């Protein structure tokens, strides 16, 4: 039995979509009703990292786990891994981040991820670490301003990021969970090329057949925007991460996706072509082919 956590998030949702129908899977979610992409035979159970009894129930009879934690600074990994070890779990595939391998990255989020990786390595269970670069789907945060004003606003728009298609991350995760040879390995995952926000804006414009304008947001603008979504320590971590991108730290490309899956990593253009409805004004979406 496999357990998938984070099933309502960007990667967990795709992991469920990539699983073969015959794979026995249980899905743990704080709000099970929000799990919409599970295989027909999946068992969906309520669970919370803060509730030991729910973890015990979710982990009963489980052999392998896809682990996603997102509450920065919380002790979710420690509690989950303790329960998993006691339940007899053999293998944990954990979603981490590419920044962990950068010695210059010392922000709150990266330190938290490093600590969580150390916990897994020391757990006594087999482990696989996935370290993706930024998800292409992060550009969906531009959708509202693109729809309403034809504008993309971002920070350090001429700095490059080798962003990765979430579907590629999910496929690597599924292979690590279901195929031999991944225990004790670290998979750094990028797209096939490093792109700037300006270049992504140009590609979106071509795909939409609509002129889009890029506007540089600036650090204070980014701070103001992110402060409406995140606590101050996380905002500061995001700003420091953006500075590393400005300095070229996120432009490196690796071919891990192809090594694991046998096919090249997906391009931003291909990902965006499947998401155009999100960037179109409602009047343009009506009547579009399914």
Protein backbone atom coordinates (compact mmCIF):
# COMPACT_ATOMS: atom_id res chain seq x y z
CA UNK A 1 0.00 0.00 0.00
CA UNK A 2 1.21 3.47 -0.92
CA UNK A 3 0.28 6.64 0.98
CA UNK A 4 0.15 10.00 -0.82
CA UNK A 5 0.15 13.24 1.19
CA UNK A 6 -0.25 16.75 -0.21
CA UNK A 7 -2.88 15.43 -2.60
CA UNK A 8 -4.67 18.77 -2.99
CA UNK A 9 -1.45 20.60 -3.85
CA UNK A 10 0.41 21.17 -7.10
CA UNK A 11 2.55 18.02 -7.09
CA UNK A 12 0.45 15.65 -5.00
CA UNK A 13 -2.50 16.13 -7.35
CA UNK A 14 -0.30 15.24 -10.33
CA UNK A 15 1.13 12.21 -8.54
CA UNK A 16 -2.38 10.80 -8.21
CA UNK A 17 -3.01 11.44 -11.91
CA UNK A 18 0.17 9.58 -12.87
CA UNK A 19 -0.44 6.47 -10.77
CA UNK A 20 -1.45 3.34 -12.66
CA UNK A 21 -5.01 2.24 -11.80
CA UNK A 22 -3.81 -1.04 -10.31
CA UNK A 23 -1.52 0.58 -7.71
CA UNK A 24 -3.06 0.30 -4.22
CA UNK A 25 -3.06 3.82 -2.83
CA UNK A 26 -4.35 5.63 0.22
CA UNK A 27 -4.63 9.42 0.24
CA UNK A 28 -4.29 11.46 3.44
CA UNK A 29 -5.78 14.95 3.46
CA UNK A 30 -6.94 17.43 6.07
CA UNK A 31 -10.05 17.96 3.96
CA UNK A 32 -10.77 14.70 2.09
CA UNK A 33 -13.60 16.32 0.11
CA UNK A 34 -11.00 18.46 -1.69
CA UNK A 35 -9.24 15.41 -3.15
CA UNK A 36 -10.57 15.33 -6.70
CA UNK A 37 -7.91 13.51 -8.73
CA UNK A 38 -7.53 10.20 -6.90
CA UNK A 39 -7.80 6.91 -8.81
CA UNK A 40 -11.22 5.30 -8.60
CA UNK A 41 -10.06 2.62 -6.17
CA UNK A 42 -8.06 4.95 -3.90
CA UNK A 43 -8.86 5.06 -0.21
CA UNK A 44 -9.15 8.66 0.99
CA UNK A 45 -8.72 9.26 4.73
CA UNK A 46 -8.64 12.35 6.94
CA UNK A 47 -5.29 13.12 8.47
CA UNK A 48 -3.32 15.95 10.00
CA UNK A 49 0.34 16.15 10.93
CA UNK A 50 -0.73 17.58 14.29
CA UNK A 51 -2.95 14.58 15.11
CA UNK A 52 -0.98 11.45 16.01
CA UNK A 53 -4.00 9.16 15.90
CA UNK A 54 -4.88 10.25 12.38
CA UNK A 55 -1.30 9.58 11.26
CA UNK A 56 -1.39 6.11 12.78
CA UNK A 57 -4.62 5.31 10.95
CA UNK A 58 -3.35 6.68 7.65
CA UNK A 59 -0.06 4.75 7.90
CA UNK A 60 -1.47 1.38 8.89
CA UNK A 61 -0.32 -1.24 6.37
CA UNK A 62 1.60 1.32 4.29
CA UNK A 63 4.90 0.33 2.63
CA UNK A 64 5.83 3.54 0.76
CA UNK A 65 4.97 7.22 1.16
CA UNK A 66 5.02 10.37 -0.94
CA UNK A 67 5.65 13.08 1.65
CA UNK A 68 4.82 16.75 1.17
CA UNK A 69 4.98 19.29 3.99
CA UNK A 70 4.44 23.01 3.47
CA UNK A 71 4.01 24.73 6.83
CA UNK A 72 7.39 26.43 7.03
CA UNK A 73 9.01 26.17 10.45
CA UNK A 74 6.57 23.57 11.75
CA UNK A 75 7.59 20.15 13.04
CA UNK A 76 5.37 18.19 10.65
CA UNK A 77 8.19 16.09 9.20
CA UNK A 78 9.45 14.94 12.59
CA UNK A 79 6.00 13.85 13.72
CA UNK A 80 5.17 12.12 10.44
CA UNK A 81 8.48 10.29 10.14
CA UNK A 82 8.26 9.04 13.70
CA UNK A 83 4.79 7.64 13.03
CA UNK A 84 5.90 6.17 9.68
CA UNK A 85 8.86 4.38 11.22
CA UNK A 86 6.69 2.95 13.99
CA UNK A 87 4.14 1.79 11.39
CA UNK A 88 6.81 -0.14 9.49
CA UNK A 89 7.01 2.06 6.39
CA UNK A 90 9.91 0.97 4.18
CA UNK A 91 10.45 3.89 1.75
CA UNK A 92 9.70 7.63 1.85
CA UNK A 93 9.90 9.84 -1.25
CA UNK A 94 10.03 13.44 -0.08
CA UNK A 95 9.40 16.65 -2.00
CA UNK A 96 12.14 19.12 -1.09
CA UNK A 97 13.69 22.00 -3.09
CA UNK A 98 16.70 22.59 -5.33
CA UNK A 99 17.92 25.44 -3.13
CA UNK A 100 18.97 22.92 -0.48
CA UNK A 101 22.12 22.08 -2.44
CA UNK A 102 23.16 25.74 -2.75
CA UNK A 103 25.55 26.63 0.06
CA UNK A 104 24.72 30.31 -0.45
CA UNK A 105 21.04 29.72 0.34
CA UNK A 106 20.52 30.39 4.04
CA UNK A 107 16.96 31.71 4.16
CA UNK A 108 14.31 30.40 6.53
CA UNK A 109 12.61 28.14 3.97
CA UNK A 110 15.82 26.51 2.79
CA UNK A 111 17.10 25.93 6.33
CA UNK A 112 13.77 24.29 7.18
CA UNK A 113 13.98 22.05 4.11
CA UNK A 114 17.57 21.06 4.94
CA UNK A 115 16.55 20.12 8.45
CA UNK A 116 13.66 18.02 7.14
CA UNK A 117 15.98 16.20 4.73
CA UNK A 118 18.31 15.41 7.62
CA UNK A 119 15.40 13.99 9.60
CA UNK A 120 14.49 11.67 6.74
CA UNK A 121 18.06 10.51 6.19
CA UNK A 122 18.36 9.70 9.88
CA UNK A 123 14.97 7.98 10.14
CA UNK A 124 16.19 4.45 9.44
CA UNK A 125 13.81 4.15 6.46
CA UNK A 126 14.81 4.09 2.81
CA UNK A 127 14.55 7.55 1.30
CA UNK A 128 14.50 9.41 -2.00
CA UNK A 129 14.71 13.20 -2.20
CA UNK A 130 13.16 15.25 -4.98
CA UNK A 131 14.67 18.72 -5.35
CA UNK A 132 12.75 20.60 -8.05
CA UNK A 133 13.49 24.10 -9.22
CA UNK A 134 10.49 26.49 -9.25
CA UNK A 135 7.30 25.10 -10.75
CA UNK A 136 6.14 26.45 -14.10
CA UNK A 137 2.70 26.64 -12.53
CA UNK A 138 3.91 29.47 -10.28
CA UNK A 139 3.23 31.75 -13.23
CA UNK A 140 -0.50 31.19 -12.66
CA UNK A 141 -0.11 33.92 -10.04
CA UNK A 142 0.03 36.29 -13.04
CA UNK A 143 -3.31 35.13 -14.41
CA UNK A 144 -5.49 37.80 -12.82
CA UNK A 145 -3.43 40.75 -14.07
CA UNK A 146 -2.99 39.14 -17.49
CA UNK A 147 -6.76 38.64 -17.83
CA UNK A 148 -7.70 42.10 -16.63
CA UNK A 149 -4.90 44.29 -17.98
CA UNK A 150 -2.57 42.26 -20.18
CA UNK A 151 0.22 42.81 -17.65
CA UNK A 152 2.75 40.52 -15.97
CA UNK A 153 4.32 41.92 -12.81
CA UNK A 154 7.29 40.12 -11.30
CA UNK A 155 10.53 40.69 -9.42
CA UNK A 156 13.91 40.70 -11.22
CA UNK A 157 12.27 39.96 -14.54
CA UNK A 158 15.51 39.55 -16.50
CA UNK A 159 16.89 36.88 -14.16
CA UNK A 160 16.62 33.25 -15.31
CA UNK A 161 15.09 30.25 -13.58
CA UNK A 162 15.22 26.70 -14.97
CA UNK A 163 11.62 26.11 -13.88
CA UNK A 164 10.14 22.63 -14.17
CA UNK A 165 6.76 21.28 -15.26
CA UNK A 166 4.94 19.92 -12.17
CA UNK A 167 3.88 16.90 -14.23
CA UNK A 168 7.55 15.97 -14.66
CA UNK A 169 8.15 16.19 -10.92
CA UNK A 170 5.13 13.96 -10.34
CA UNK A 171 6.24 11.37 -12.89
CA UNK A 172 9.67 11.15 -11.27
CA UNK A 173 7.97 10.78 -7.88
CA UNK A 174 5.79 7.93 -9.12
CA UNK A 175 8.76 6.14 -10.62
CA UNK A 176 10.69 6.53 -7.37
CA UNK A 177 7.72 5.08 -5.49
CA UNK A 178 7.01 2.16 -7.81
CA UNK A 179 10.35 1.20 -9.41
CA UNK A 180 13.57 -0.15 -7.84
CA UNK A 181 16.81 1.76 -7.80
CA UNK A 182 15.78 5.09 -6.27
CA UNK A 183 16.51 4.48 -2.59
CA UNK A 184 19.25 6.73 -1.26
CA UNK A 185 19.16 8.98 -4.32
CA UNK A 186 18.68 12.73 -4.70
CA UNK A 187 16.88 13.83 -7.87
CA UNK A 188 17.42 17.49 -8.78
CA UNK A 189 14.72 18.42 -11.29
CA UNK A 190 14.70 21.30 -13.77
CA UNK A 191 13.12 22.18 -17.05
CA UNK A 192 15.08 22.00 -20.31
CA UNK A 193 16.07 25.68 -20.30
CA UNK A 194 16.40 28.64 -17.98
CA UNK A 195 13.88 31.39 -18.72
CA UNK A 196 13.32 34.90 -17.43
CA UNK A 197 9.91 36.32 -16.56
CA UNK A 198 10.30 38.63 -19.56
CA UNK A 199 10.80 35.61 -21.84
CA UNK A 200 7.87 33.77 -20.28
CA UNK A 201 5.70 36.84 -20.83
CA UNK A 202 6.69 36.87 -24.51
CA UNK A 203 5.83 33.19 -24.91
CA UNK A 204 2.47 33.66 -23.22
CA UNK A 205 1.77 36.60 -25.50
CA UNK A 206 2.46 34.50 -28.59
CA UNK A 207 0.30 31.62 -27.38
CA UNK A 208 -2.58 33.91 -26.44
CA UNK A 209 -2.33 35.94 -29.64
CA UNK A 210 -2.54 39.02 -27.45
CA UNK A 211 -0.02 41.71 -26.57
CA UNK A 212 1.21 41.43 -22.99
CA UNK A 213 3.33 43.95 -21.14
CA UNK A 214 5.95 43.11 -18.50
CA UNK A 215 6.27 45.45 -15.52
CA UNK A 216 9.11 45.16 -13.01
CA UNK A 217 7.63 44.96 -9.53
CA UNK A 218 10.70 45.88 -7.45
CA UNK A 219 11.60 44.52 -3.99
CA UNK A 220 9.23 46.78 -2.05
CA UNK A 221 6.36 46.00 -4.38
CA UNK A 222 7.05 42.29 -3.96
CA UNK A 223 7.25 42.69 -0.19
CA UNK A 224 3.91 44.49 -0.13
CA UNK A 225 2.22 41.87 -2.30
CA UNK A 226 3.64 38.83 -0.52
CA UNK A 227 2.84 40.31 2.89
CA UNK A 228 -0.85 39.88 2.08
CA UNK A 229 -0.28 36.12 1.68
CA UNK A 230 2.56 35.10 3.99
CA UNK A 231 3.99 35.90 7.43
CA UNK A 232 6.92 38.31 7.53
CA UNK A 233 9.67 35.67 8.02
CA UNK A 234 8.48 33.83 4.92
CA UNK A 235 8.33 37.08 2.93
CA UNK A 236 11.94 37.81 3.86
CA UNK A 237 12.93 34.29 2.79
CA UNK A 238 11.21 34.75 -0.58
CA UNK A 239 12.99 38.07 -1.13
CA UNK A 240 16.36 36.49 -0.39
CA UNK A 241 15.53 33.63 -2.74
CA UNK A 242 14.70 36.15 -5.48
CA UNK A 243 18.05 37.85 -4.91
CA UNK A 244 19.83 34.53 -5.47
CA UNK A 245 17.94 34.14 -8.74
CA UNK A 246 18.97 37.68 -9.72
CA UNK A 247 22.57 36.61 -9.10
CA UNK A 248 22.25 33.56 -11.37
CA UNK A 249 21.86 30.82 -8.78
CA UNK A 250 18.78 29.27 -10.37
CA UNK A 251 19.79 29.09 -14.02
CA UNK A 252 21.48 25.69 -14.03
CA UNK A 253 19.86 22.91 -16.09
CA UNK A 254 20.16 19.17 -15.43
CA UNK A 255 18.75 16.23 -17.38
CA UNK A 256 17.42 14.19 -14.46
CA UNK A 257 13.87 14.14 -15.81
CA UNK A 258 15.08 12.46 -18.99
CA UNK A 259 17.37 10.09 -17.08
CA UNK A 260 14.47 8.87 -14.92
CA UNK A 261 11.55 8.96 -17.35
CA UNK A 262 13.29 8.33 -20.68
CA UNK A 263 11.97 11.52 -22.27
CA UNK A 264 13.08 15.15 -22.22
CA UNK A 265 11.72 17.53 -19.62
CA UNK A 266 8.68 19.52 -20.74
CA UNK A 267 9.10 23.09 -21.95
CA UNK A 268 7.41 26.16 -20.52
CA UNK A 269 5.73 26.76 -23.86
CA UNK A 270 4.16 23.27 -23.80
CA UNK A 271 3.01 23.71 -20.21
CA UNK A 272 1.56 27.16 -20.88
CA UNK A 273 -0.24 25.97 -24.02
CA UNK A 274 -2.30 23.68 -21.82
CA UNK A 275 -3.16 26.45 -19.35
CA UNK A 276 -4.27 29.26 -21.65
CA UNK A 277 -7.82 29.38 -20.33
CA UNK A 278 -6.46 30.58 -16.98
CA UNK A 279 -4.91 33.62 -18.69
CA UNK A 280 -7.85 34.53 -20.94
CA UNK A 281 -10.58 37.04 -20.13
CA UNK A 282 -13.88 35.17 -19.53
CA UNK A 283 -15.34 36.44 -22.79
CA UNK A 284 -12.48 34.79 -24.71
CA UNK A 285 -12.84 31.44 -22.94
CA UNK A 286 -16.48 30.97 -23.91
CA UNK A 287 -16.70 28.76 -26.95
CA UNK A 288 -13.10 27.54 -26.78
CA UNK A 289 -12.76 23.87 -27.74
CA UNK A 290 -12.40 21.46 -24.83
